[in-house]
Amino acid sequence: MAENGAMPRLTGARDGMPEGAVRAQRVVSTVSRLELARFLRHSPGATRQEIADGSGLTYETVRKEIAHLVQLGYVSIDGQGRNERFTFDGKRYSRDLGQLFGYVGE
């Protein structure tokens, strides 16, 4: 988050592309982010190790991609250190996918 508590402005988007569409596109742009999002949709509150074990992704990939999904606002963290548990915000993602589909359909 930005210092003022707001989500940072996403860069690299085409003019007129809604921010939600940009966020959703960043998830679907990599297979590992899609797999991570899919896993967390079915296993909310999982740890990094549980995600790695259950998704087939390496621990390092999970660590890196979780950071991206947190930055995008799709994953929340509960706990600290090795006790961190992650939950995917499917409602927000669905809403943003709607913006992406709307943008593509324009």
Protein backbone atom coordinates (compact mmCIF):
# COMPACT_ATOMS: atom_id res chain seq x y z
CA MET A 1 0.00 0.00 0.00
CA ALA A 2 1.05 3.56 -0.52
CA GLU A 3 2.04 5.69 2.46
CA ASN A 4 -1.43 7.26 2.52
CA GLY A 5 -3.05 3.81 2.86
CA ALA A 6 -4.34 3.72 -0.71
CA MET A 7 -3.45 1.00 -3.18
CA PRO A 8 -0.54 2.08 -5.40
CA ARG A 9 -1.42 3.10 -8.95
CA LEU A 10 -0.75 0.27 -11.36
CA THR A 11 1.61 1.15 -14.16
CA GLY A 12 1.85 -0.29 -17.65
CA ALA A 13 -1.90 -0.21 -18.31
CA ARG A 14 -3.33 1.03 -21.57
CA ASP A 15 -5.12 4.36 -21.43
CA GLY A 16 -8.70 3.88 -20.39
CA MET A 17 -8.18 0.36 -19.01
CA PRO A 18 -9.85 0.18 -15.58
CA GLU A 19 -7.49 -0.58 -12.70
CA GLY A 20 -9.48 -3.67 -11.78
CA ALA A 21 -8.97 -4.98 -15.30
CA VAL A 22 -5.24 -4.35 -15.01
CA ARG A 23 -5.09 -6.26 -11.72
CA ALA A 24 -7.04 -9.23 -13.11
CA GLN A 25 -4.87 -9.33 -16.23
CA ARG A 26 -1.76 -9.54 -14.05
CA VAL A 27 -3.11 -12.68 -12.40
CA VAL A 28 -4.03 -14.43 -15.65
CA SER A 29 -0.72 -13.45 -17.24
CA THR A 30 1.23 -16.20 -15.42
CA VAL A 31 0.34 -19.84 -14.86
CA SER A 32 1.90 -19.81 -11.39
CA ARG A 33 -0.34 -16.92 -10.22
CA LEU A 34 -3.40 -18.67 -11.61
CA GLU A 35 -2.46 -21.91 -9.85
CA LEU A 36 -1.81 -20.09 -6.60
CA ALA A 37 -5.14 -18.22 -6.79
CA ARG A 38 -6.96 -21.46 -7.63
CA PHE A 39 -5.34 -23.31 -4.73
CA LEU A 40 -6.17 -20.56 -2.23
CA ARG A 41 -9.79 -20.40 -3.46
CA HIS A 42 -10.15 -24.02 -2.36
CA SER A 43 -7.80 -23.89 0.67
CA PRO A 44 -8.18 -20.54 2.44
CA GLY A 45 -5.83 -19.99 5.35
CA ALA A 46 -3.02 -22.11 3.91
CA THR A 47 0.63 -21.52 4.75
CA ARG A 48 3.32 -21.07 2.08
CA GLN A 49 4.49 -24.65 2.63
CA GLU A 50 0.94 -26.01 2.37
CA ILE A 51 0.47 -24.07 -0.86
CA ALA A 52 3.76 -25.39 -2.28
CA ASP A 53 2.95 -28.98 -1.28
CA GLY A 54 -0.62 -28.84 -2.56
CA SER A 55 -0.14 -26.85 -5.75
CA GLY A 56 3.05 -28.36 -7.12
CA LEU A 57 4.72 -24.94 -7.18
CA THR A 58 8.13 -24.52 -5.60
CA TYR A 59 8.32 -22.77 -2.25
CA GLU A 60 10.30 -19.93 -3.85
CA THR A 61 7.66 -19.47 -6.56
CA VAL A 62 4.92 -19.43 -3.91
CA ARG A 63 6.86 -16.83 -1.90
CA LYS A 64 7.35 -14.60 -4.94
CA GLU A 65 3.84 -14.92 -6.36
CA ILE A 66 2.13 -14.46 -2.98
CA ALA A 67 3.94 -11.12 -2.73
CA HIS A 68 2.51 -10.11 -6.13
CA LEU A 69 -1.02 -11.16 -5.19
CA VAL A 70 -0.79 -9.30 -1.87
CA GLN A 71 0.40 -6.18 -3.70
CA LEU A 72 -2.51 -6.50 -6.13
CA GLY A 73 -4.90 -6.71 -3.17
CA TYR A 74 -6.15 -10.24 -3.86
CA VAL A 75 -4.48 -12.06 -0.96
CA SER A 76 -4.68 -11.20 2.71
CA ILE A 77 -2.25 -12.38 5.39
CA ASP A 78 -3.13 -13.56 8.85
CA GLY A 79 -0.32 -14.17 11.37
CA GLN A 80 3.41 -13.53 11.17
CA GLY A 81 6.56 -15.36 10.11
CA ARG A 82 6.13 -19.11 9.64
CA ASN A 83 2.61 -18.79 11.05
CA GLU A 84 1.43 -16.61 8.15
CA ARG A 85 -1.72 -17.88 6.51
CA PHE A 86 -3.06 -16.62 3.21
CA THR A 87 -6.59 -16.12 1.90
CA PHE A 88 -7.62 -15.20 -1.64
CA ASP A 89 -10.34 -12.56 -2.16
CA GLY A 90 -12.40 -14.29 -4.84
CA LYS A 91 -15.15 -11.66 -4.82
CA ARG A 92 -12.70 -8.88 -5.64
CA TYR A 93 -11.06 -11.00 -8.33
CA SER A 94 -14.44 -11.83 -9.90
CA ARG A 95 -15.36 -8.15 -9.94
CA ASP A 96 -12.03 -7.26 -11.55
CA LEU A 97 -12.40 -10.06 -14.11
CA GLY A 98 -15.73 -8.50 -15.04
CA GLN A 99 -13.91 -5.23 -15.71
CA LEU A 100 -11.31 -7.07 -17.79
CA PHE A 101 -13.96 -8.84 -19.86
CA GLY A 102 -15.83 -5.55 -20.26
CA TYR A 103 -12.66 -3.83 -21.45
CA VAL A 104 -11.86 -6.60 -23.91
CA GLY A 105 -15.43 -6.54 -25.23
CA GLU A 106 -15.44 -2.77 -25.90
